[in-house]
Amino acid sequence: MPRSGSSKKPSNDMAEFRELLCSSKNIIAVAGAGLSAASGIPTFRGAGGLWRKYDAMSLATPEGFKSTPSLVWQFYHYRRESALKAQPNGAHMALAEFSLPSIRHTIVPESSFTLVTQNVDGLSPRAMEKVLSQPDVEAHVFPPGQPGMIEMHGRLFDVKCTLRTCKHVEFNTASPICEALKGTEELVNAGSTDPDIPISELPRCSKCNALARPGVVWFGETPQKLDLIDDLVEQADLCLVVGTSSTVYPAAGYASEIQQNGGKVAVFNLDRSDGDEEADFLFLGPCEELLPRALGLVA
């Protein structure tokens, strides 16, 4: 995230950031796991990056699923159940409100905004649903080239057929998604032996009955809508980095690219993270408290 020719430390002046925000035209936010932390969604990163006794990141791979589909489905069942119980927090709500032109244009006139989220928990779309359900909020149809939100790593509740000749994908919030997984989420802290669920009892494709997999983008797979995101990054003059350590590419490079193009970067995070000293603004603290203030949604 280089600021060419500058060794100046990032500013934490909220008033100065608000002035920059109000003069910006093309704004994107790149969000990571920290956005959902206040909602109780586990991040599976750093010292707490284990699920049961396993490295959670190793389960989020095609190889992991091919080797142990039962274990991977138990992991994603646990994540699905956690997400279903969670509620959007103030940071989700602030980003959802800001994405609506009827609200944003009262703060930043004639501006565009897109949230590019790496999260798969569905809390950002649910926040948008909550905002749009309010009687005084004007609905908006986003044009194809300027969406309000992009879930670049897919959705936790998408279920995808593993059969190449089928490839059926459906949105499924059933709890549990199949009877064999029921209750396995309670084994996380119990120290129990991992159940070895037969493949025939794992989630199946509703169209062809082949084995289904979680419809998220795993490590080693290509994130969604990269061409569109690249176009938005190219146009952006302000990037908000929210709750991410900027370690997963390609998202980690977006802030740097925007700075190289002459734009500004503001980081909102609970703790320090790699590269944040290169940002133009750095705000440390709970994102659910910082973002509503920073975006001009509360005094």
C-alpha atoms as a PDB file:
ATOM      1  CA  MET A   1       0.000   0.000   0.000  1.00  0.00           C
ATOM      2  CA  PRO A   2       2.749   2.452  -0.919  1.00  0.00           C
ATOM      3  CA  ARG A   3       2.378   6.204  -0.637  1.00  0.00           C
ATOM      4  CA  SER A   4       5.025   7.252  -3.095  1.00  0.00           C
ATOM      5  CA  GLY A   5       7.605   9.624  -1.729  1.00  0.00           C
ATOM      6  CA  SER A   6       5.947   9.990   1.676  1.00  0.00           C
ATOM      7  CA  SER A   7       6.990   8.796   5.139  1.00  0.00           C
ATOM      8  CA  LYS A   8       4.112  10.599   6.865  1.00  0.00           C
ATOM      9  CA  LYS A   9       2.175   8.507   9.381  1.00  0.00           C
ATOM     10  CA  PRO A  10      -1.515   7.856   8.701  1.00  0.00           C
ATOM     11  CA  SER A  11      -3.878  10.465  10.082  1.00  0.00           C
ATOM     12  CA  ASN A  12      -6.560   9.589  12.630  1.00  0.00           C
ATOM     13  CA  ASP A  13      -8.305  12.947  12.292  1.00  0.00           C
ATOM     14  CA  MET A  14     -11.983  12.115  11.724  1.00  0.00           C
ATOM     15  CA  ALA A  15     -12.873  15.657  10.628  1.00  0.00           C
ATOM     16  CA  GLU A  16     -10.086  15.608   8.033  1.00  0.00           C
ATOM     17  CA  PHE A  17     -11.339  12.244   6.741  1.00  0.00           C
ATOM     18  CA  ARG A  18     -14.891  13.547   6.506  1.00  0.00           C
ATOM     19  CA  GLU A  19     -13.668  16.441   4.352  1.00  0.00           C
ATOM     20  CA  LEU A  20     -11.948  13.977   2.031  1.00  0.00           C
ATOM     21  CA  LEU A  21     -15.040  11.763   1.922  1.00  0.00           C
ATOM     22  CA  CYS A  22     -17.296  14.650   0.974  1.00  0.00           C
ATOM     23  CA  SER A  23     -15.055  15.545  -1.979  1.00  0.00           C
ATOM     24  CA  SER A  24     -14.724  11.981  -3.283  1.00  0.00           C
ATOM     25  CA  LYS A  25     -16.579  10.714  -6.343  1.00  0.00           C
ATOM     26  CA  ASN A  26     -15.886   6.987  -6.754  1.00  0.00           C
ATOM     27  CA  ILE A  27     -15.659   5.152  -3.445  1.00  0.00           C
ATOM     28  CA  ILE A  28     -15.186   1.473  -2.736  1.00  0.00           C
ATOM     29  CA  ALA A  29     -14.976  -0.418   0.537  1.00  0.00           C
ATOM     30  CA  VAL A  30     -12.982  -3.645   0.816  1.00  0.00           C
ATOM     31  CA  ALA A  31     -14.211  -5.608   3.825  1.00  0.00           C
ATOM     32  CA  GLY A  32     -12.865  -8.666   5.613  1.00  0.00           C
ATOM     33  CA  ALA A  33     -13.617 -10.877   8.590  1.00  0.00           C
ATOM     34  CA  GLY A  34     -13.251  -8.038  11.096  1.00  0.00           C
ATOM     35  CA  LEU A  35     -16.435  -6.492   9.751  1.00  0.00           C
ATOM     36  CA  SER A  36     -18.443  -9.393  11.181  1.00  0.00           C
ATOM     37  CA  ALA A  37     -16.434  -9.946  14.374  1.00  0.00           C
ATOM     38  CA  ALA A  38     -18.842  -7.889  16.500  1.00  0.00           C
ATOM     39  CA  SER A  39     -21.674 -10.111  15.261  1.00  0.00           C
ATOM     40  CA  GLY A  40     -19.938 -13.124  16.786  1.00  0.00           C
ATOM     41  CA  ILE A  41     -18.683 -14.644  13.534  1.00  0.00           C
ATOM     42  CA  PRO A  42     -15.362 -16.489  14.130  1.00  0.00           C
ATOM     43  CA  THR A  43     -12.481 -15.230  11.963  1.00  0.00           C
ATOM     44  CA  PHE A  44     -10.351 -18.439  12.028  1.00  0.00           C
ATOM     45  CA  ARG A  45      -7.236 -16.309  11.625  1.00  0.00           C
ATOM     46  CA  GLY A  46      -4.151 -15.826  13.779  1.00  0.00           C
ATOM     47  CA  ALA A  47      -3.817 -17.552  17.146  1.00  0.00           C
ATOM     48  CA  GLY A  48      -7.502 -18.518  17.133  1.00  0.00           C
ATOM     49  CA  GLY A  49      -7.385 -19.977  13.631  1.00  0.00           C
ATOM     50  CA  LEU A  50      -8.219 -23.541  14.646  1.00  0.00           C
ATOM     51  CA  TRP A  51     -11.578 -25.252  14.348  1.00  0.00           C
ATOM     52  CA  ARG A  52     -11.660 -28.258  16.623  1.00  0.00           C
ATOM     53  CA  LYS A  53      -8.009 -29.284  16.249  1.00  0.00           C
ATOM     54  CA  TYR A  54      -7.719 -28.443  12.542  1.00  0.00           C
ATOM     55  CA  ASP A  55      -6.253 -25.532  10.649  1.00  0.00           C
ATOM     56  CA  ALA A  56      -9.431 -23.926   9.359  1.00  0.00           C
ATOM     57  CA  MET A  57      -7.725 -22.596   6.232  1.00  0.00           C
ATOM     58  CA  SER A  58      -6.754 -26.129   5.175  1.00  0.00           C
ATOM     59  CA  LEU A  59     -10.437 -27.090   5.207  1.00  0.00           C
ATOM     60  CA  ALA A  60     -11.318 -24.232   2.856  1.00  0.00           C
ATOM     61  CA  THR A  61      -9.709 -25.884  -0.177  1.00  0.00           C
ATOM     62  CA  PRO A  62     -10.824 -28.210  -2.991  1.00  0.00           C
ATOM     63  CA  GLU A  63      -8.161 -30.651  -1.819  1.00  0.00           C
ATOM     64  CA  GLY A  64      -9.545 -30.659   1.713  1.00  0.00           C
ATOM     65  CA  PHE A  65     -13.039 -31.421   0.440  1.00  0.00           C
ATOM     66  CA  LYS A  66     -11.829 -34.183  -1.864  1.00  0.00           C
ATOM     67  CA  SER A  67      -9.884 -35.786   0.994  1.00  0.00           C
ATOM     68  CA  THR A  68     -12.424 -35.451   3.823  1.00  0.00           C
ATOM     69  CA  PRO A  69     -15.836 -34.219   2.601  1.00  0.00           C
ATOM     70  CA  SER A  70     -17.440 -35.230   5.902  1.00  0.00           C
ATOM     71  CA  LEU A  71     -15.077 -33.045   7.939  1.00  0.00           C
ATOM     72  CA  VAL A  72     -15.330 -30.093   5.546  1.00  0.00           C
ATOM     73  CA  TRP A  73     -19.131 -30.234   5.576  1.00  0.00           C
ATOM     74  CA  GLN A  74     -19.087 -30.325   9.398  1.00  0.00           C
ATOM     75  CA  PHE A  75     -16.906 -27.207   9.349  1.00  0.00           C
ATOM     76  CA  TYR A  76     -19.263 -25.390   6.980  1.00  0.00           C
ATOM     77  CA  HIS A  77     -22.324 -26.603   8.850  1.00  0.00           C
ATOM     78  CA  TYR A  78     -20.815 -25.016  11.978  1.00  0.00           C
ATOM     79  CA  ARG A  79     -20.234 -21.784  10.061  1.00  0.00           C
ATOM     80  CA  ARG A  80     -23.745 -21.834   8.592  1.00  0.00           C
ATOM     81  CA  GLU A  81     -25.323 -22.305  12.018  1.00  0.00           C
ATOM     82  CA  SER A  82     -23.163 -19.501  13.471  1.00  0.00           C
ATOM     83  CA  ALA A  83     -24.186 -17.137  10.658  1.00  0.00           C
ATOM     84  CA  LEU A  84     -27.883 -17.983  10.984  1.00  0.00           C
ATOM     85  CA  LYS A  85     -27.786 -17.043  14.672  1.00  0.00           C
ATOM     86  CA  ALA A  86     -25.843 -13.815  14.066  1.00  0.00           C
ATOM     87  CA  GLN A  87     -27.264 -10.370  13.336  1.00  0.00           C
ATOM     88  CA  PRO A  88     -25.740  -7.546  11.261  1.00  0.00           C
ATOM     89  CA  ASN A  89     -23.871  -5.078  13.456  1.00  0.00           C
ATOM     90  CA  GLY A  90     -23.571  -1.314  13.203  1.00  0.00           C
ATOM     91  CA  ALA A  91     -20.769  -1.500  10.636  1.00  0.00           C
ATOM     92  CA  HIS A  92     -22.849  -3.687   8.296  1.00  0.00           C
ATOM     93  CA  MET A  93     -25.760  -1.299   8.693  1.00  0.00           C
ATOM     94  CA  ALA A  94     -23.625   1.788   8.047  1.00  0.00           C
ATOM     95  CA  LEU A  95     -22.199   0.351   4.814  1.00  0.00           C
ATOM     96  CA  ALA A  96     -25.674  -0.699   3.687  1.00  0.00           C
ATOM     97  CA  GLU A  97     -27.105   2.754   4.314  1.00  0.00           C
ATOM     98  CA  PHE A  98     -24.169   4.452   2.629  1.00  0.00           C
ATOM     99  CA  SER A  99     -24.588   2.303  -0.479  1.00  0.00           C
ATOM    100  CA  LEU A 100     -28.025   3.805  -1.165  1.00  0.00           C
ATOM    101  CA  PRO A 101     -27.814   6.981  -3.276  1.00  0.00           C
ATOM    102  CA  SER A 102     -30.842   8.483  -1.510  1.00  0.00           C
ATOM    103  CA  ILE A 103     -28.816   8.475   1.719  1.00  0.00           C
ATOM    104  CA  ARG A 104     -25.244   8.813   0.422  1.00  0.00           C
ATOM    105  CA  HIS A 105     -25.920  11.791  -1.838  1.00  0.00           C
ATOM    106  CA  THR A 106     -27.000  13.878   1.161  1.00  0.00           C
ATOM    107  CA  ILE A 107     -23.460  13.361   2.492  1.00  0.00           C
ATOM    108  CA  VAL A 108     -21.355  12.903  -0.658  1.00  0.00           C
ATOM    109  CA  PRO A 109     -23.196  14.413  -3.650  1.00  0.00           C
ATOM    110  CA  GLU A 110     -22.887  12.786  -7.088  1.00  0.00           C
ATOM    111  CA  SER A 111     -20.799   9.899  -5.781  1.00  0.00           C
ATOM    112  CA  SER A 112     -20.731   6.163  -6.456  1.00  0.00           C
ATOM    113  CA  PHE A 113     -20.065   3.425  -3.904  1.00  0.00           C
ATOM    114  CA  THR A 114     -19.566  -0.333  -3.943  1.00  0.00           C
ATOM    115  CA  LEU A 115     -18.853  -2.674  -1.047  1.00  0.00           C
ATOM    116  CA  VAL A 116     -16.474  -5.458  -2.071  1.00  0.00           C
ATOM    117  CA  THR A 117     -16.715  -7.996   0.727  1.00  0.00           C
ATOM    118  CA  GLN A 118     -14.557 -11.051   1.242  1.00  0.00           C
ATOM    119  CA  ASN A 119     -17.056 -12.343   3.797  1.00  0.00           C
ATOM    120  CA  VAL A 120     -19.396 -15.212   2.977  1.00  0.00           C
ATOM    121  CA  ASP A 121     -21.649 -14.981   6.046  1.00  0.00           C
ATOM    122  CA  GLY A 122     -24.505 -13.102   4.360  1.00  0.00           C
ATOM    123  CA  LEU A 123     -24.649 -10.376   7.012  1.00  0.00           C
ATOM    124  CA  SER A 124     -24.051  -7.525   4.553  1.00  0.00           C
ATOM    125  CA  PRO A 125     -27.003  -8.536   2.322  1.00  0.00           C
ATOM    126  CA  ARG A 126     -29.150  -8.965   5.427  1.00  0.00           C
ATOM    127  CA  ALA A 127     -28.153  -5.481   6.568  1.00  0.00           C
ATOM    128  CA  MET A 128     -29.282  -4.140   3.191  1.00  0.00           C
ATOM    129  CA  GLU A 129     -32.617  -5.943   3.566  1.00  0.00           C
ATOM    130  CA  LYS A 130     -33.070  -4.331   6.976  1.00  0.00           C
ATOM    131  CA  VAL A 131     -32.280  -0.867   5.661  1.00  0.00           C
ATOM    132  CA  LEU A 132     -34.649  -1.245   2.705  1.00  0.00           C
ATOM    133  CA  SER A 133     -37.429  -2.461   5.005  1.00  0.00           C
ATOM    134  CA  GLN A 134     -37.502   0.901   6.756  1.00  0.00           C
ATOM    135  CA  PRO A 135     -40.526   2.910   5.575  1.00  0.00           C
ATOM    136  CA  ASP A 136     -38.631   6.150   4.957  1.00  0.00           C
ATOM    137  CA  VAL A 137     -35.860   4.575   2.846  1.00  0.00           C
ATOM    138  CA  GLU A 138     -36.067   4.890  -0.931  1.00  0.00           C
ATOM    139  CA  ALA A 139     -35.352   1.668  -2.821  1.00  0.00           C
ATOM    140  CA  HIS A 140     -32.720   1.718  -5.553  1.00  0.00           C
ATOM    141  CA  VAL A 141     -31.967  -0.495  -8.531  1.00  0.00           C
ATOM    142  CA  PHE A 142     -28.208  -0.712  -8.977  1.00  0.00           C
ATOM    143  CA  PRO A 143     -26.938  -0.703 -12.583  1.00  0.00           C
ATOM    144  CA  PRO A 144     -24.913  -3.767 -13.688  1.00  0.00           C
ATOM    145  CA  GLY A 145     -21.621  -1.877 -13.800  1.00  0.00           C
ATOM    146  CA  GLN A 146     -22.094  -0.167 -10.447  1.00  0.00           C
ATOM    147  CA  PRO A 147     -23.483  -2.684  -7.924  1.00  0.00           C
ATOM    148  CA  GLY A 148     -23.944  -1.715  -4.315  1.00  0.00           C
ATOM    149  CA  MET A 149     -22.252  -4.905  -3.152  1.00  0.00           C
ATOM    150  CA  ILE A 150     -20.035  -7.691  -4.501  1.00  0.00           C
ATOM    151  CA  GLU A 151     -19.537 -10.912  -2.508  1.00  0.00           C
ATOM    152  CA  MET A 152     -16.257 -11.864  -4.146  1.00  0.00           C
ATOM    153  CA  HIS A 153     -15.772 -15.092  -2.195  1.00  0.00           C
ATOM    154  CA  GLY A 154     -19.299 -16.339  -2.755  1.00  0.00           C
ATOM    155  CA  ARG A 155     -21.989 -17.107  -0.213  1.00  0.00           C
ATOM    156  CA  LEU A 156     -22.017 -19.535   2.694  1.00  0.00           C
ATOM    157  CA  PHE A 157     -25.603 -20.516   1.945  1.00  0.00           C
ATOM    158  CA  ASP A 158     -25.030 -21.345  -1.704  1.00  0.00           C
ATOM    159  CA  VAL A 159     -24.937 -25.097  -2.281  1.00  0.00           C
ATOM    160  CA  LYS A 160     -23.129 -26.213  -5.417  1.00  0.00           C
ATOM    161  CA  CYS A 161     -23.229 -29.523  -7.274  1.00  0.00           C
ATOM    162  CA  THR A 162     -19.845 -31.227  -7.616  1.00  0.00           C
ATOM    163  CA  LEU A 163     -20.829 -32.881 -10.910  1.00  0.00           C
ATOM    164  CA  ARG A 164     -19.255 -30.969 -13.796  1.00  0.00           C
ATOM    165  CA  THR A 165     -22.117 -31.861 -16.133  1.00  0.00           C
ATOM    166  CA  CYS A 166     -24.639 -30.365 -13.704  1.00  0.00           C
ATOM    167  CA  LYS A 167     -23.067 -27.399 -11.801  1.00  0.00           C
ATOM    168  CA  HIS A 168     -26.422 -26.558 -10.216  1.00  0.00           C
ATOM    169  CA  VAL A 169     -26.231 -23.871  -7.511  1.00  0.00           C
ATOM    170  CA  GLU A 170     -29.013 -22.965  -5.132  1.00  0.00           C
ATOM    171  CA  PHE A 171     -29.424 -20.695  -2.121  1.00  0.00           C
ATOM    172  CA  ASN A 172     -30.295 -22.821   0.897  1.00  0.00           C
ATOM    173  CA  THR A 173     -30.629 -21.598   4.490  1.00  0.00           C
ATOM    174  CA  ALA A 174     -32.039 -24.846   5.881  1.00  0.00           C
ATOM    175  CA  SER A 175     -30.950 -25.607   9.445  1.00  0.00           C
ATOM    176  CA  PRO A 176     -29.533 -28.191   9.404  1.00  0.00           C
ATOM    177  CA  ILE A 177     -28.854 -28.538   5.709  1.00  0.00           C
ATOM    178  CA  CYS A 178     -29.082 -32.334   6.125  1.00  0.00           C
ATOM    179  CA  GLU A 179     -30.058 -34.576   9.025  1.00  0.00           C
ATOM    180  CA  ALA A 180     -26.616 -36.208   9.349  1.00  0.00           C
ATOM    181  CA  LEU A 181     -25.009 -32.857  10.205  1.00  0.00           C
ATOM    182  CA  LYS A 182     -27.534 -31.994  12.903  1.00  0.00           C
ATOM    183  CA  GLY A 183     -25.817 -31.388  16.228  1.00  0.00           C
ATOM    184  CA  THR A 184     -22.257 -31.717  14.927  1.00  0.00           C
ATOM    185  CA  GLU A 185     -21.751 -27.976  15.520  1.00  0.00           C
ATOM    186  CA  GLU A 186     -21.946 -28.716  19.266  1.00  0.00           C
ATOM    187  CA  LEU A 187     -18.840 -30.927  19.058  1.00  0.00           C
ATOM    188  CA  VAL A 188     -16.483 -27.986  18.452  1.00  0.00           C
ATOM    189  CA  ASN A 189     -15.562 -27.544  22.098  1.00  0.00           C
ATOM    190  CA  ALA A 190     -16.512 -30.960  23.367  1.00  0.00           C
ATOM    191  CA  GLY A 191     -13.290 -32.752  22.410  1.00  0.00           C
ATOM    192  CA  SER A 192     -15.311 -35.541  20.862  1.00  0.00           C
ATOM    193  CA  THR A 193     -14.159 -37.823  18.078  1.00  0.00           C
ATOM    194  CA  ASP A 194     -15.077 -36.389  14.674  1.00  0.00           C
ATOM    195  CA  PRO A 195     -18.064 -38.221  13.183  1.00  0.00           C
ATOM    196  CA  ASP A 196     -17.256 -39.859   9.868  1.00  0.00           C
ATOM    197  CA  ILE A 197     -20.468 -39.185   7.952  1.00  0.00           C
ATOM    198  CA  PRO A 198     -20.916 -41.346   4.832  1.00  0.00           C
ATOM    199  CA  ILE A 199     -20.880 -39.409   1.575  1.00  0.00           C
ATOM    200  CA  SER A 200     -24.375 -40.699   0.836  1.00  0.00           C
ATOM    201  CA  GLU A 201     -25.669 -38.801   3.895  1.00  0.00           C
ATOM    202  CA  LEU A 202     -23.949 -35.488   3.140  1.00  0.00           C
ATOM    203  CA  PRO A 203     -25.809 -32.673   1.320  1.00  0.00           C
ATOM    204  CA  ARG A 204     -26.892 -33.633  -2.186  1.00  0.00           C
ATOM    205  CA  CYS A 205     -27.658 -31.627  -5.306  1.00  0.00           C
ATOM    206  CA  SER A 206     -31.405 -31.047  -5.482  1.00  0.00           C
ATOM    207  CA  LYS A 207     -31.305 -31.377  -9.266  1.00  0.00           C
ATOM    208  CA  CYS A 208     -29.230 -34.525  -9.932  1.00  0.00           C
ATOM    209  CA  ASN A 209     -28.632 -35.961  -6.411  1.00  0.00           C
ATOM    210  CA  ALA A 210     -24.829 -35.879  -6.754  1.00  0.00           C
ATOM    211  CA  LEU A 211     -22.676 -34.822  -3.797  1.00  0.00           C
ATOM    212  CA  ALA A 212     -22.972 -31.092  -3.171  1.00  0.00           C
ATOM    213  CA  ARG A 213     -20.328 -28.739  -1.762  1.00  0.00           C
ATOM    214  CA  PRO A 214     -20.439 -25.342  -0.092  1.00  0.00           C
ATOM    215  CA  GLY A 215     -20.741 -22.664  -2.785  1.00  0.00           C
ATOM    216  CA  VAL A 216     -17.992 -20.448  -1.410  1.00  0.00           C
ATOM    217  CA  VAL A 217     -14.739 -19.619  -3.199  1.00  0.00           C
ATOM    218  CA  TRP A 218     -12.004 -21.742  -1.683  1.00  0.00           C
ATOM    219  CA  PHE A 219      -8.278 -21.059  -1.573  1.00  0.00           C
ATOM    220  CA  GLY A 220      -6.889 -21.848  -5.015  1.00  0.00           C
ATOM    221  CA  GLU A 221     -10.157 -20.927  -6.757  1.00  0.00           C
ATOM    222  CA  THR A 222     -10.900 -17.716  -8.654  1.00  0.00           C
ATOM    223  CA  PRO A 223     -12.915 -15.056  -6.793  1.00  0.00           C
ATOM    224  CA  GLN A 224     -16.117 -13.844  -8.380  1.00  0.00           C
ATOM    225  CA  LYS A 225     -16.574 -10.775 -10.612  1.00  0.00           C
ATOM    226  CA  LEU A 226     -12.874  -9.900 -10.739  1.00  0.00           C
ATOM    227  CA  ASP A 227     -13.183  -7.974 -14.010  1.00  0.00           C
ATOM    228  CA  LEU A 228     -15.917  -5.763 -12.570  1.00  0.00           C
ATOM    229  CA  ILE A 229     -13.943  -5.220  -9.364  1.00  0.00           C
ATOM    230  CA  ASP A 230     -10.849  -4.284 -11.382  1.00  0.00           C
ATOM    231  CA  ASP A 231     -12.891  -1.654 -13.252  1.00  0.00           C
ATOM    232  CA  LEU A 232     -14.215  -0.200  -9.980  1.00  0.00           C
ATOM    233  CA  VAL A 233     -10.714  -0.126  -8.484  1.00  0.00           C
ATOM    234  CA  GLU A 234      -9.380   1.644 -11.569  1.00  0.00           C
ATOM    235  CA  GLN A 235     -12.014   4.377 -11.189  1.00  0.00           C
ATOM    236  CA  ALA A 236     -11.855   4.713  -7.389  1.00  0.00           C
ATOM    237  CA  ASP A 237     -10.481   7.817  -5.708  1.00  0.00           C
ATOM    238  CA  LEU A 238     -11.140   6.583  -2.160  1.00  0.00           C
ATOM    239  CA  CYS A 239     -10.821   3.087  -0.689  1.00  0.00           C
ATOM    240  CA  LEU A 240     -12.141   2.135   2.730  1.00  0.00           C
ATOM    241  CA  VAL A 241     -10.394  -0.962   4.100  1.00  0.00           C
ATOM    242  CA  VAL A 242     -12.668  -2.429   6.773  1.00  0.00           C
ATOM    243  CA  GLY A 243     -11.791  -5.245   9.144  1.00  0.00           C
ATOM    244  CA  THR A 244      -9.187  -6.986   7.038  1.00  0.00           C
ATOM    245  CA  SER A 245      -5.485  -7.673   7.480  1.00  0.00           C
ATOM    246  CA  SER A 246      -4.976  -7.393   3.718  1.00  0.00           C
ATOM    247  CA  THR A 247      -3.292 -10.792   3.471  1.00  0.00           C
ATOM    248  CA  VAL A 248      -5.583 -12.539   0.962  1.00  0.00           C
ATOM    249  CA  TYR A 249      -5.033 -11.614  -2.667  1.00  0.00           C
ATOM    250  CA  PRO A 250      -6.302 -10.216  -4.950  1.00  0.00           C
ATOM    251  CA  ALA A 251      -8.272  -8.105  -2.440  1.00  0.00           C
ATOM    252  CA  ALA A 252      -5.069  -7.227  -0.575  1.00  0.00           C
ATOM    253  CA  GLY A 253      -3.747  -5.359  -3.616  1.00  0.00           C
ATOM    254  CA  TYR A 254      -6.748  -3.130  -4.255  1.00  0.00           C
ATOM    255  CA  ALA A 255      -5.807  -0.405  -1.762  1.00  0.00           C
ATOM    256  CA  SER A 256      -2.267  -0.218  -3.146  1.00  0.00           C
ATOM    257  CA  GLU A 257      -3.546   0.070  -6.692  1.00  0.00           C
ATOM    258  CA  ILE A 258      -5.911   2.893  -5.765  1.00  0.00           C
ATOM    259  CA  GLN A 259      -3.069   4.791  -4.078  1.00  0.00           C
ATOM    260  CA  GLN A 260      -0.841   4.271  -7.096  1.00  0.00           C
ATOM    261  CA  ASN A 261      -3.610   5.811  -9.202  1.00  0.00           C
ATOM    262  CA  GLY A 262      -3.647   8.890  -6.962  1.00  0.00           C
ATOM    263  CA  GLY A 263      -6.504   7.883  -4.676  1.00  0.00           C
ATOM    264  CA  LYS A 264      -6.628   7.786  -0.902  1.00  0.00           C
ATOM    265  CA  VAL A 265      -6.958   4.868   1.522  1.00  0.00           C
ATOM    266  CA  ALA A 266      -8.577   4.813   4.969  1.00  0.00           C
ATOM    267  CA  VAL A 267      -8.234   1.736   7.185  1.00  0.00           C
ATOM    268  CA  PHE A 268     -10.794   0.859   9.855  1.00  0.00           C
ATOM    269  CA  ASN A 269      -9.754  -2.039  12.077  1.00  0.00           C
ATOM    270  CA  LEU A 270      -9.857  -3.216  15.660  1.00  0.00           C
ATOM    271  CA  ASP A 271      -6.088  -3.724  15.785  1.00  0.00           C
ATOM    272  CA  ARG A 272      -2.989  -2.908  13.750  1.00  0.00           C
ATOM    273  CA  SER A 273      -2.456  -5.012  10.635  1.00  0.00           C
ATOM    274  CA  ASP A 274       0.270  -5.527   8.041  1.00  0.00           C
ATOM    275  CA  GLY A 275       0.672  -2.543   5.737  1.00  0.00           C
ATOM    276  CA  ASP A 276      -1.710  -0.187   7.523  1.00  0.00           C
ATOM    277  CA  GLU A 277       1.132   2.269   8.181  1.00  0.00           C
ATOM    278  CA  GLU A 278       1.004   3.037   4.452  1.00  0.00           C
ATOM    279  CA  ALA A 279      -2.622   4.186   4.590  1.00  0.00           C
ATOM    280  CA  ASP A 280      -3.576   7.842   4.434  1.00  0.00           C
ATOM    281  CA  PHE A 281      -5.962   7.412   7.368  1.00  0.00           C
ATOM    282  CA  LEU A 282      -5.966   4.800  10.125  1.00  0.00           C
ATOM    283  CA  PHE A 283      -8.807   4.452  12.613  1.00  0.00           C
ATOM    284  CA  LEU A 284      -8.407   1.786  15.283  1.00  0.00           C
ATOM    285  CA  GLY A 285     -11.364   0.579  17.294  1.00  0.00           C
ATOM    286  CA  PRO A 286     -14.643  -1.262  16.847  1.00  0.00           C
ATOM    287  CA  CYS A 287     -15.774  -0.852  13.231  1.00  0.00           C
ATOM    288  CA  GLU A 288     -19.400  -0.803  14.336  1.00  0.00           C
ATOM    289  CA  GLU A 289     -18.651   2.420  16.213  1.00  0.00           C
ATOM    290  CA  LEU A 290     -16.169   4.028  13.829  1.00  0.00           C
ATOM    291  CA  LEU A 291     -17.933   3.591  10.482  1.00  0.00           C
ATOM    292  CA  PRO A 292     -21.262   5.306  11.247  1.00  0.00           C
ATOM    293  CA  ARG A 293     -19.314   8.377  12.402  1.00  0.00           C
ATOM    294  CA  ALA A 294     -16.806   8.301   9.574  1.00  0.00           C
ATOM    295  CA  LEU A 295     -19.518   8.013   6.904  1.00  0.00           C
ATOM    296  CA  GLY A 296     -21.487  10.907   8.322  1.00  0.00           C
ATOM    297  CA  LEU A 297     -24.463   8.790   9.330  1.00  0.00           C
ATOM    298  CA  VAL A 298     -24.330   9.881  12.984  1.00  0.00           C
ATOM    299  CA  ALA A 299     -23.010  13.053  14.602  1.00  0.00           C
END
